[in-house]
């Protein structure tokens, strides 16, 4: 059956800008990518009688990053002679094609189209200021449209090896990893939004909560307005937080005046309970997992 299919592939390109000279960066890249006699190696691979023998030959030939050079295109040759590209005179531009036959097989056994993206391409450019620019297209992003977990796992490992090598060669640090708050910690909402002590209310880690919950939401704004009206939180504090103009944590707020006990402690308990109920869903989303609550206890807790 004849057909034509068009897939939209959104490629994720990693670009490294380094002040290191071109030759230093290129040498660093080849520190993890071996440069075997590729024609001789391919002849040996074709003569392999078993997959074990094939894999062993590849392992012996690969570099520390698990890759070997298949081909190198010196694209600056044409640019140096091009009269319409005077800015390129004397500068280098290399397209390095590198891969691992075993890794390619581990992806193509699941998604044949992975053969279009492996071996990978690393583009190394000498910049006018004497630095170096390196570009790499993520294999994981190329395989995303095929929605195959097994192939994507192998591609992710390949990307990690290549990106680690390029960061080391260029001296560009990797992305900063943000620690995830432990379950039950204050940052994760583990203490609950409110702790009630006698007739007072203490707001714990309100910044962490408000980072995930917009006070422009009507239920939250109305609840805080009622708190302010009853003297549980000063109206100036409500206004300040709604405008997002200050970062204040951990007040112990007591009503400055009230005509009856019902207007103080009981109102505080009711509004605290209502506030917790109105924010349950948002807090679950902020923490990343459902929080077990007991809204009938005086002290809402998360476990």
C-alpha atoms as a PDB file:
ATOM      1  CA  UNK A   1       0.000   0.000   0.000  1.00  0.00           C
ATOM      2  CA  UNK A   2       1.460   3.326  -1.076  1.00  0.00           C
ATOM      3  CA  UNK A   3       1.452   6.199   1.394  1.00  0.00           C
ATOM      4  CA  UNK A   4       3.368   9.211   2.564  1.00  0.00           C
ATOM      5  CA  UNK A   5       3.525  10.240   6.194  1.00  0.00           C
ATOM      6  CA  UNK A   6       4.808  13.536   7.549  1.00  0.00           C
ATOM      7  CA  UNK A   7       6.024  13.724  11.135  1.00  0.00           C
ATOM      8  CA  UNK A   8       6.793  16.955  12.949  1.00  0.00           C
ATOM      9  CA  UNK A   9      10.040  16.490  14.846  1.00  0.00           C
ATOM     10  CA  UNK A  10      10.869  19.217  17.360  1.00  0.00           C
ATOM     11  CA  UNK A  11      14.626  19.082  17.830  1.00  0.00           C
ATOM     12  CA  UNK A  12      16.261  20.236  21.060  1.00  0.00           C
ATOM     13  CA  UNK A  13      19.635  21.780  20.289  1.00  0.00           C
ATOM     14  CA  UNK A  14      22.269  22.287  22.979  1.00  0.00           C
ATOM     15  CA  UNK A  15      24.663  25.146  22.199  1.00  0.00           C
ATOM     16  CA  UNK A  16      27.847  25.690  24.212  1.00  0.00           C
ATOM     17  CA  UNK A  17      29.692  29.012  24.010  1.00  0.00           C
ATOM     18  CA  UNK A  18      33.233  28.793  25.325  1.00  0.00           C
ATOM     19  CA  UNK A  19      36.143  31.185  25.602  1.00  0.00           C
ATOM     20  CA  UNK A  20      38.513  28.260  25.132  1.00  0.00           C
ATOM     21  CA  UNK A  21      40.372  28.182  21.800  1.00  0.00           C
ATOM     22  CA  UNK A  22      39.119  25.885  19.048  1.00  0.00           C
ATOM     23  CA  UNK A  23      42.025  23.424  19.179  1.00  0.00           C
ATOM     24  CA  UNK A  24      41.680  22.982  22.944  1.00  0.00           C
ATOM     25  CA  UNK A  25      37.960  22.240  22.692  1.00  0.00           C
ATOM     26  CA  UNK A  26      38.460  19.853  19.780  1.00  0.00           C
ATOM     27  CA  UNK A  27      41.178  18.013  21.695  1.00  0.00           C
ATOM     28  CA  UNK A  28      38.876  17.755  24.704  1.00  0.00           C
ATOM     29  CA  UNK A  29      36.122  16.244  22.570  1.00  0.00           C
ATOM     30  CA  UNK A  30      38.508  13.697  21.102  1.00  0.00           C
ATOM     31  CA  UNK A  31      39.501  12.884  24.658  1.00  0.00           C
ATOM     32  CA  UNK A  32      36.194  10.994  24.894  1.00  0.00           C
ATOM     33  CA  UNK A  33      35.717  10.015  21.245  1.00  0.00           C
ATOM     34  CA  UNK A  34      38.196   7.556  19.811  1.00  0.00           C
ATOM     35  CA  UNK A  35      39.634   7.867  16.283  1.00  0.00           C
ATOM     36  CA  UNK A  36      40.129   4.318  15.036  1.00  0.00           C
ATOM     37  CA  UNK A  37      40.834   3.313  11.450  1.00  0.00           C
ATOM     38  CA  UNK A  38      37.128   3.182  10.724  1.00  0.00           C
ATOM     39  CA  UNK A  39      37.408   1.302   7.421  1.00  0.00           C
ATOM     40  CA  UNK A  40      39.462  -1.433   9.067  1.00  0.00           C
ATOM     41  CA  UNK A  41      37.089  -1.595  12.025  1.00  0.00           C
ATOM     42  CA  UNK A  42      34.023  -1.892   9.797  1.00  0.00           C
ATOM     43  CA  UNK A  43      35.684  -4.744   7.917  1.00  0.00           C
ATOM     44  CA  UNK A  44      36.210  -6.593  11.193  1.00  0.00           C
ATOM     45  CA  UNK A  45      32.645  -5.926  12.288  1.00  0.00           C
ATOM     46  CA  UNK A  46      31.281  -7.274   9.005  1.00  0.00           C
ATOM     47  CA  UNK A  47      33.336 -10.430   9.491  1.00  0.00           C
ATOM     48  CA  UNK A  48      31.991 -11.006  13.016  1.00  0.00           C
ATOM     49  CA  UNK A  49      30.331 -14.374  13.480  1.00  0.00           C
ATOM     50  CA  UNK A  50      28.408 -13.593  16.689  1.00  0.00           C
ATOM     51  CA  UNK A  51      26.860 -10.587  18.394  1.00  0.00           C
ATOM     52  CA  UNK A  52      29.228 -11.133  21.312  1.00  0.00           C
ATOM     53  CA  UNK A  53      32.237 -10.856  19.006  1.00  0.00           C
ATOM     54  CA  UNK A  54      30.716  -7.792  17.331  1.00  0.00           C
ATOM     55  CA  UNK A  55      30.107  -6.085  20.685  1.00  0.00           C
ATOM     56  CA  UNK A  56      33.586  -6.914  21.909  1.00  0.00           C
ATOM     57  CA  UNK A  57      35.214  -5.284  18.876  1.00  0.00           C
ATOM     58  CA  UNK A  58      33.128  -2.154  19.377  1.00  0.00           C
ATOM     59  CA  UNK A  59      33.988  -1.954  23.064  1.00  0.00           C
ATOM     60  CA  UNK A  60      37.694  -2.188  22.275  1.00  0.00           C
ATOM     61  CA  UNK A  61      37.461   0.600  19.711  1.00  0.00           C
ATOM     62  CA  UNK A  62      35.195   3.098  21.510  1.00  0.00           C
ATOM     63  CA  UNK A  63      36.401   6.096  23.526  1.00  0.00           C
ATOM     64  CA  UNK A  64      35.740   6.904  27.160  1.00  0.00           C
ATOM     65  CA  UNK A  65      32.392   8.484  26.226  1.00  0.00           C
ATOM     66  CA  UNK A  66      31.367   5.279  24.448  1.00  0.00           C
ATOM     67  CA  UNK A  67      31.777   6.865  21.006  1.00  0.00           C
ATOM     68  CA  UNK A  68      34.113   6.671  18.038  1.00  0.00           C
ATOM     69  CA  UNK A  69      34.636   9.004  15.096  1.00  0.00           C
ATOM     70  CA  UNK A  70      32.931   7.790  11.945  1.00  0.00           C
ATOM     71  CA  UNK A  71      33.611  10.823   9.798  1.00  0.00           C
ATOM     72  CA  UNK A  72      34.878  14.371  10.027  1.00  0.00           C
ATOM     73  CA  UNK A  73      33.826  17.085   7.584  1.00  0.00           C
ATOM     74  CA  UNK A  74      36.000  20.182   7.472  1.00  0.00           C
ATOM     75  CA  UNK A  75      33.286  22.556   6.289  1.00  0.00           C
ATOM     76  CA  UNK A  76      35.562  25.565   6.600  1.00  0.00           C
ATOM     77  CA  UNK A  77      37.467  24.533   3.454  1.00  0.00           C
ATOM     78  CA  UNK A  78      34.784  25.911   1.164  1.00  0.00           C
ATOM     79  CA  UNK A  79      34.198  28.954   3.354  1.00  0.00           C
ATOM     80  CA  UNK A  80      37.866  29.917   3.301  1.00  0.00           C
ATOM     81  CA  UNK A  81      37.782  30.075  -0.513  1.00  0.00           C
ATOM     82  CA  UNK A  82      34.340  31.681  -0.765  1.00  0.00           C
ATOM     83  CA  UNK A  83      34.712  35.373  -1.780  1.00  0.00           C
ATOM     84  CA  UNK A  84      31.277  36.083  -0.302  1.00  0.00           C
ATOM     85  CA  UNK A  85      32.304  34.794   3.129  1.00  0.00           C
ATOM     86  CA  UNK A  86      35.282  36.993   4.033  1.00  0.00           C
ATOM     87  CA  UNK A  87      34.527  36.761   7.743  1.00  0.00           C
ATOM     88  CA  UNK A  88      35.299  33.044   7.671  1.00  0.00           C
ATOM     89  CA  UNK A  89      38.883  33.388   6.476  1.00  0.00           C
ATOM     90  CA  UNK A  90      41.154  31.552   8.889  1.00  0.00           C
ATOM     91  CA  UNK A  91      38.342  30.232  11.081  1.00  0.00           C
ATOM     92  CA  UNK A  92      37.431  26.576  11.548  1.00  0.00           C
ATOM     93  CA  UNK A  93      34.075  24.814  11.206  1.00  0.00           C
ATOM     94  CA  UNK A  94      34.014  21.054  11.703  1.00  0.00           C
ATOM     95  CA  UNK A  95      31.125  18.639  11.596  1.00  0.00           C
ATOM     96  CA  UNK A  96      32.045  15.603  13.623  1.00  0.00           C
ATOM     97  CA  UNK A  97      29.979  12.458  13.063  1.00  0.00           C
ATOM     98  CA  UNK A  98      30.421   9.999  15.903  1.00  0.00           C
ATOM     99  CA  UNK A  99      28.604   7.001  17.238  1.00  0.00           C
ATOM    100  CA  UNK A 100      28.622   3.448  18.510  1.00  0.00           C
ATOM    101  CA  UNK A 101      27.269   0.562  16.388  1.00  0.00           C
ATOM    102  CA  UNK A 102      25.990  -1.284  19.458  1.00  0.00           C
ATOM    103  CA  UNK A 103      24.173   1.769  20.796  1.00  0.00           C
ATOM    104  CA  UNK A 104      22.639   2.370  17.372  1.00  0.00           C
ATOM    105  CA  UNK A 105      21.385  -1.220  17.323  1.00  0.00           C
ATOM    106  CA  UNK A 106      19.878  -0.878  20.796  1.00  0.00           C
ATOM    107  CA  UNK A 107      17.735   1.999  19.511  1.00  0.00           C
ATOM    108  CA  UNK A 108      16.907   0.777  16.003  1.00  0.00           C
ATOM    109  CA  UNK A 109      15.711  -2.597  17.307  1.00  0.00           C
ATOM    110  CA  UNK A 110      12.782  -0.630  18.764  1.00  0.00           C
ATOM    111  CA  UNK A 111      12.484   2.287  16.337  1.00  0.00           C
ATOM    112  CA  UNK A 112      14.061   1.834  12.909  1.00  0.00           C
ATOM    113  CA  UNK A 113      13.920   5.582  12.270  1.00  0.00           C
ATOM    114  CA  UNK A 114      16.478   6.044  15.056  1.00  0.00           C
ATOM    115  CA  UNK A 115      19.008   5.158  12.390  1.00  0.00           C
ATOM    116  CA  UNK A 116      18.434   8.650  10.978  1.00  0.00           C
ATOM    117  CA  UNK A 117      19.781  10.258  14.150  1.00  0.00           C
ATOM    118  CA  UNK A 118      22.617   7.927  15.099  1.00  0.00           C
ATOM    119  CA  UNK A 119      25.513   8.361  14.650  1.00  0.00           C
ATOM    120  CA  UNK A 120      25.235  11.838  16.128  1.00  0.00           C
ATOM    121  CA  UNK A 121      26.547  15.128  14.804  1.00  0.00           C
ATOM    122  CA  UNK A 122      28.653  17.572  16.805  1.00  0.00           C
ATOM    123  CA  UNK A 123      29.237  20.936  15.138  1.00  0.00           C
ATOM    124  CA  UNK A 124      32.343  22.801  16.312  1.00  0.00           C
ATOM    125  CA  UNK A 125      32.793  26.427  15.259  1.00  0.00           C
ATOM    126  CA  UNK A 126      35.648  28.841  15.846  1.00  0.00           C
ATOM    127  CA  UNK A 127      34.187  32.244  16.734  1.00  0.00           C
ATOM    128  CA  UNK A 128      35.622  35.634  15.619  1.00  0.00           C
ATOM    129  CA  UNK A 129      36.726  36.457  19.172  1.00  0.00           C
ATOM    130  CA  UNK A 130      38.919  33.359  19.344  1.00  0.00           C
ATOM    131  CA  UNK A 131      36.467  31.259  21.336  1.00  0.00           C
ATOM    132  CA  UNK A 132      34.499  28.199  20.331  1.00  0.00           C
ATOM    133  CA  UNK A 133      30.827  27.391  19.804  1.00  0.00           C
ATOM    134  CA  UNK A 134      29.640  23.779  19.928  1.00  0.00           C
ATOM    135  CA  UNK A 135      26.168  22.553  18.930  1.00  0.00           C
ATOM    136  CA  UNK A 136      24.523  19.181  19.515  1.00  0.00           C
ATOM    137  CA  UNK A 137      21.005  17.963  18.701  1.00  0.00           C
ATOM    138  CA  UNK A 138      19.423  15.763  21.349  1.00  0.00           C
ATOM    139  CA  UNK A 139      18.566  12.251  20.142  1.00  0.00           C
ATOM    140  CA  UNK A 140      15.827  11.989  22.766  1.00  0.00           C
ATOM    141  CA  UNK A 141      14.011  14.931  21.220  1.00  0.00           C
ATOM    142  CA  UNK A 142      14.356  13.398  17.757  1.00  0.00           C
ATOM    143  CA  UNK A 143      12.735  10.152  18.922  1.00  0.00           C
ATOM    144  CA  UNK A 144       9.949  11.789  20.934  1.00  0.00           C
ATOM    145  CA  UNK A 145       7.320  11.516  18.145  1.00  0.00           C
ATOM    146  CA  UNK A 146       7.715   7.714  18.119  1.00  0.00           C
ATOM    147  CA  UNK A 147       6.714   7.386  21.773  1.00  0.00           C
ATOM    148  CA  UNK A 148       8.890   4.344  22.443  1.00  0.00           C
ATOM    149  CA  UNK A 149      10.179   4.183  26.010  1.00  0.00           C
ATOM    150  CA  UNK A 150      12.900   1.597  25.343  1.00  0.00           C
ATOM    151  CA  UNK A 151      14.445   3.556  22.469  1.00  0.00           C
ATOM    152  CA  UNK A 152      14.147   6.827  24.369  1.00  0.00           C
ATOM    153  CA  UNK A 153      15.947   5.331  27.373  1.00  0.00           C
ATOM    154  CA  UNK A 154      18.950   4.392  25.237  1.00  0.00           C
ATOM    155  CA  UNK A 155      18.835   7.799  23.534  1.00  0.00           C
ATOM    156  CA  UNK A 156      18.806   9.497  26.927  1.00  0.00           C
ATOM    157  CA  UNK A 157      21.931   7.629  27.982  1.00  0.00           C
ATOM    158  CA  UNK A 158      23.613   8.583  24.705  1.00  0.00           C
ATOM    159  CA  UNK A 159      22.669  12.242  25.151  1.00  0.00           C
ATOM    160  CA  UNK A 160      24.000  12.218  28.706  1.00  0.00           C
ATOM    161  CA  UNK A 161      27.375  10.859  27.568  1.00  0.00           C
ATOM    162  CA  UNK A 162      27.736  13.374  24.754  1.00  0.00           C
ATOM    163  CA  UNK A 163      26.572  16.381  26.775  1.00  0.00           C
ATOM    164  CA  UNK A 164      28.840  15.463  29.661  1.00  0.00           C
ATOM    165  CA  UNK A 165      31.789  15.293  27.270  1.00  0.00           C
ATOM    166  CA  UNK A 166      30.930  18.626  25.617  1.00  0.00           C
ATOM    167  CA  UNK A 167      30.554  20.403  28.950  1.00  0.00           C
ATOM    168  CA  UNK A 168      33.927  19.120  30.046  1.00  0.00           C
ATOM    169  CA  UNK A 169      35.594  20.077  26.763  1.00  0.00           C
ATOM    170  CA  UNK A 170      34.117  23.592  26.665  1.00  0.00           C
ATOM    171  CA  UNK A 171      34.296  24.281  30.394  1.00  0.00           C
ATOM    172  CA  UNK A 172      30.596  25.127  30.471  1.00  0.00           C
ATOM    173  CA  UNK A 173      28.997  23.969  33.747  1.00  0.00           C
ATOM    174  CA  UNK A 174      25.974  21.732  33.691  1.00  0.00           C
ATOM    175  CA  UNK A 175      22.494  22.862  34.727  1.00  0.00           C
ATOM    176  CA  UNK A 176      21.967  23.445  38.437  1.00  0.00           C
ATOM    177  CA  UNK A 177      19.812  20.758  39.972  1.00  0.00           C
ATOM    178  CA  UNK A 178      17.219  22.019  42.406  1.00  0.00           C
ATOM    179  CA  UNK A 179      16.684  19.773  45.406  1.00  0.00           C
ATOM    180  CA  UNK A 180      13.152  18.480  45.828  1.00  0.00           C
ATOM    181  CA  UNK A 181      11.763  19.186  49.322  1.00  0.00           C
ATOM    182  CA  UNK A 182      11.431  16.015  51.370  1.00  0.00           C
ATOM    183  CA  UNK A 183       7.928  14.808  52.012  1.00  0.00           C
ATOM    184  CA  UNK A 184       6.667  16.220  55.264  1.00  0.00           C
ATOM    185  CA  UNK A 185       9.074  19.153  55.260  1.00  0.00           C
ATOM    186  CA  UNK A 186       7.864  22.701  55.708  1.00  0.00           C
ATOM    187  CA  UNK A 187       8.777  23.572  52.126  1.00  0.00           C
ATOM    188  CA  UNK A 188       6.628  20.684  50.922  1.00  0.00           C
ATOM    189  CA  UNK A 189       3.694  21.800  53.036  1.00  0.00           C
ATOM    190  CA  UNK A 190       4.348  19.050  55.549  1.00  0.00           C
ATOM    191  CA  UNK A 191       3.274  21.143  58.552  1.00  0.00           C
ATOM    192  CA  UNK A 192      -0.004  22.130  56.933  1.00  0.00           C
ATOM    193  CA  UNK A 193      -0.844  25.707  56.059  1.00  0.00           C
ATOM    194  CA  UNK A 194      -1.924  26.693  59.570  1.00  0.00           C
ATOM    195  CA  UNK A 195      -0.956  25.821  63.101  1.00  0.00           C
ATOM    196  CA  UNK A 196      -3.488  26.964  65.708  1.00  0.00           C
ATOM    197  CA  UNK A 197      -2.177  27.766  69.162  1.00  0.00           C
ATOM    198  CA  UNK A 198      -4.893  28.660  71.649  1.00  0.00           C
ATOM    199  CA  UNK A 199      -6.709  31.671  70.155  1.00  0.00           C
ATOM    200  CA  UNK A 200      -3.779  32.622  67.893  1.00  0.00           C
ATOM    201  CA  UNK A 201      -2.896  31.563  64.348  1.00  0.00           C
ATOM    202  CA  UNK A 202       0.650  31.117  63.102  1.00  0.00           C
ATOM    203  CA  UNK A 203       1.333  31.124  59.359  1.00  0.00           C
ATOM    204  CA  UNK A 204       4.190  28.747  58.646  1.00  0.00           C
ATOM    205  CA  UNK A 205       6.340  29.023  55.537  1.00  0.00           C
ATOM    206  CA  UNK A 206       3.763  31.178  53.812  1.00  0.00           C
ATOM    207  CA  UNK A 207       6.182  32.070  51.014  1.00  0.00           C
ATOM    208  CA  UNK A 208       6.541  28.419  50.016  1.00  0.00           C
ATOM    209  CA  UNK A 209       2.785  28.035  49.872  1.00  0.00           C
ATOM    210  CA  UNK A 210       2.171  31.282  48.033  1.00  0.00           C
ATOM    211  CA  UNK A 211       4.807  30.382  45.461  1.00  0.00           C
ATOM    212  CA  UNK A 212       2.473  27.630  44.296  1.00  0.00           C
ATOM    213  CA  UNK A 213      -0.881  29.292  45.006  1.00  0.00           C
ATOM    214  CA  UNK A 214      -2.005  32.539  43.409  1.00  0.00           C
ATOM    215  CA  UNK A 215      -3.698  34.909  45.821  1.00  0.00           C
ATOM    216  CA  UNK A 216      -5.615  36.324  42.891  1.00  0.00           C
ATOM    217  CA  UNK A 217      -7.886  33.277  43.112  1.00  0.00           C
ATOM    218  CA  UNK A 218     -11.235  34.438  44.382  1.00  0.00           C
ATOM    219  CA  UNK A 219     -11.733  31.832  47.172  1.00  0.00           C
ATOM    220  CA  UNK A 220      -8.361  32.608  48.695  1.00  0.00           C
ATOM    221  CA  UNK A 221      -8.800  36.354  48.446  1.00  0.00           C
ATOM    222  CA  UNK A 222     -12.240  36.173  50.094  1.00  0.00           C
ATOM    223  CA  UNK A 223     -10.952  33.943  52.883  1.00  0.00           C
ATOM    224  CA  UNK A 224      -8.085  36.303  53.702  1.00  0.00           C
ATOM    225  CA  UNK A 225     -10.435  39.268  53.544  1.00  0.00           C
ATOM    226  CA  UNK A 226     -12.650  37.622  56.169  1.00  0.00           C
ATOM    227  CA  UNK A 227      -9.599  36.951  58.342  1.00  0.00           C
ATOM    228  CA  UNK A 228      -8.635  40.608  58.133  1.00  0.00           C
ATOM    229  CA  UNK A 229     -12.190  41.724  58.930  1.00  0.00           C
ATOM    230  CA  UNK A 230     -12.187  39.663  62.131  1.00  0.00           C
ATOM    231  CA  UNK A 231      -8.780  40.937  63.206  1.00  0.00           C
ATOM    232  CA  UNK A 232      -7.011  37.597  62.731  1.00  0.00           C
ATOM    233  CA  UNK A 233      -4.602  39.055  60.169  1.00  0.00           C
ATOM    234  CA  UNK A 234      -4.018  42.806  59.794  1.00  0.00           C
ATOM    235  CA  UNK A 235      -5.574  44.066  56.578  1.00  0.00           C
ATOM    236  CA  UNK A 236      -2.265  45.693  55.642  1.00  0.00           C
ATOM    237  CA  UNK A 237      -0.617  42.271  55.623  1.00  0.00           C
ATOM    238  CA  UNK A 238      -3.334  40.877  53.343  1.00  0.00           C
ATOM    239  CA  UNK A 239      -2.886  43.771  50.958  1.00  0.00           C
ATOM    240  CA  UNK A 240       0.875  43.386  50.965  1.00  0.00           C
ATOM    241  CA  UNK A 241       0.744  39.704  50.109  1.00  0.00           C
ATOM    242  CA  UNK A 242      -1.943  40.128  47.486  1.00  0.00           C
ATOM    243  CA  UNK A 243       0.217  42.695  45.736  1.00  0.00           C
ATOM    244  CA  UNK A 244       3.263  40.475  46.065  1.00  0.00           C
ATOM    245  CA  UNK A 245       5.375  43.300  47.473  1.00  0.00           C
ATOM    246  CA  UNK A 246       6.947  41.605  50.499  1.00  0.00           C
ATOM    247  CA  UNK A 247       8.237  38.296  51.754  1.00  0.00           C
ATOM    248  CA  UNK A 248       7.308  37.785  55.402  1.00  0.00           C
ATOM    249  CA  UNK A 249       7.201  34.438  57.092  1.00  0.00           C
ATOM    250  CA  UNK A 250       5.959  33.080  60.395  1.00  0.00           C
ATOM    251  CA  UNK A 251       3.918  35.794  62.066  1.00  0.00           C
ATOM    252  CA  UNK A 252       2.106  35.090  65.298  1.00  0.00           C
ATOM    253  CA  UNK A 253      -1.088  37.024  64.682  1.00  0.00           C
ATOM    254  CA  UNK A 254      -3.606  37.707  67.405  1.00  0.00           C
ATOM    255  CA  UNK A 255      -6.856  39.687  67.036  1.00  0.00           C
ATOM    256  CA  UNK A 256      -6.319  43.158  68.496  1.00  0.00           C
ATOM    257  CA  UNK A 257      -9.942  43.337  69.625  1.00  0.00           C
ATOM    258  CA  UNK A 258     -13.165  41.365  69.498  1.00  0.00           C
ATOM    259  CA  UNK A 259     -16.547  41.825  71.122  1.00  0.00           C
ATOM    260  CA  UNK A 260     -17.038  38.164  72.032  1.00  0.00           C
ATOM    261  CA  UNK A 261     -14.945  34.978  72.201  1.00  0.00           C
ATOM    262  CA  UNK A 262     -17.006  33.673  69.284  1.00  0.00           C
ATOM    263  CA  UNK A 263     -15.643  36.496  67.171  1.00  0.00           C
ATOM    264  CA  UNK A 264     -12.049  35.510  67.932  1.00  0.00           C
ATOM    265  CA  UNK A 265     -11.168  31.873  68.600  1.00  0.00           C
ATOM    266  CA  UNK A 266     -14.221  30.339  66.985  1.00  0.00           C
ATOM    267  CA  UNK A 267     -13.913  32.540  63.906  1.00  0.00           C
ATOM    268  CA  UNK A 268     -10.256  31.665  63.646  1.00  0.00           C
ATOM    269  CA  UNK A 269     -10.991  27.951  63.819  1.00  0.00           C
ATOM    270  CA  UNK A 270     -13.758  28.147  61.250  1.00  0.00           C
ATOM    271  CA  UNK A 271     -11.812  30.236  58.797  1.00  0.00           C
ATOM    272  CA  UNK A 272      -8.662  28.167  59.276  1.00  0.00           C
ATOM    273  CA  UNK A 273     -10.636  25.002  58.516  1.00  0.00           C
ATOM    274  CA  UNK A 274     -12.275  26.627  55.483  1.00  0.00           C
ATOM    275  CA  UNK A 275      -8.961  27.948  54.208  1.00  0.00           C
ATOM    276  CA  UNK A 276      -7.343  24.522  54.461  1.00  0.00           C
ATOM    277  CA  UNK A 277     -10.251  22.958  52.560  1.00  0.00           C
ATOM    278  CA  UNK A 278     -10.111  25.558  49.813  1.00  0.00           C
ATOM    279  CA  UNK A 279      -6.345  25.053  49.327  1.00  0.00           C
ATOM    280  CA  UNK A 280      -6.198  21.243  49.545  1.00  0.00           C
ATOM    281  CA  UNK A 281      -6.116  20.676  45.816  1.00  0.00           C
ATOM    282  CA  UNK A 282      -3.556  23.382  45.184  1.00  0.00           C
ATOM    283  CA  UNK A 283      -1.287  22.101  47.970  1.00  0.00           C
ATOM    284  CA  UNK A 284      -1.481  18.562  46.580  1.00  0.00           C
ATOM    285  CA  UNK A 285      -0.304  19.896  43.232  1.00  0.00           C
ATOM    286  CA  UNK A 286       2.486  21.899  44.860  1.00  0.00           C
ATOM    287  CA  UNK A 287       3.779  18.920  46.863  1.00  0.00           C
ATOM    288  CA  UNK A 288       3.405  16.535  43.955  1.00  0.00           C
ATOM    289  CA  UNK A 289       1.380  13.897  45.809  1.00  0.00           C
ATOM    290  CA  UNK A 290      -1.808  13.765  47.873  1.00  0.00           C
ATOM    291  CA  UNK A 291      -1.467  14.889  51.497  1.00  0.00           C
ATOM    292  CA  UNK A 292      -3.415  13.010  54.148  1.00  0.00           C
ATOM    293  CA  UNK A 293      -5.390  15.479  56.236  1.00  0.00           C
ATOM    294  CA  UNK A 294      -7.675  15.515  59.211  1.00  0.00           C
ATOM    295  CA  UNK A 295      -9.795  18.683  58.917  1.00  0.00           C
ATOM    296  CA  UNK A 296     -11.627  17.910  62.191  1.00  0.00           C
ATOM    297  CA  UNK A 297      -8.507  18.264  64.318  1.00  0.00           C
ATOM    298  CA  UNK A 298      -7.563  21.594  65.790  1.00  0.00           C
ATOM    299  CA  UNK A 299      -4.109  21.353  64.233  1.00  0.00           C
ATOM    300  CA  UNK A 300      -4.253  20.462  60.502  1.00  0.00           C
ATOM    301  CA  UNK A 301      -1.354  18.152  59.736  1.00  0.00           C
ATOM    302  CA  UNK A 302       0.187  16.465  56.721  1.00  0.00           C
ATOM    303  CA  UNK A 303       1.765  13.045  56.977  1.00  0.00           C
END
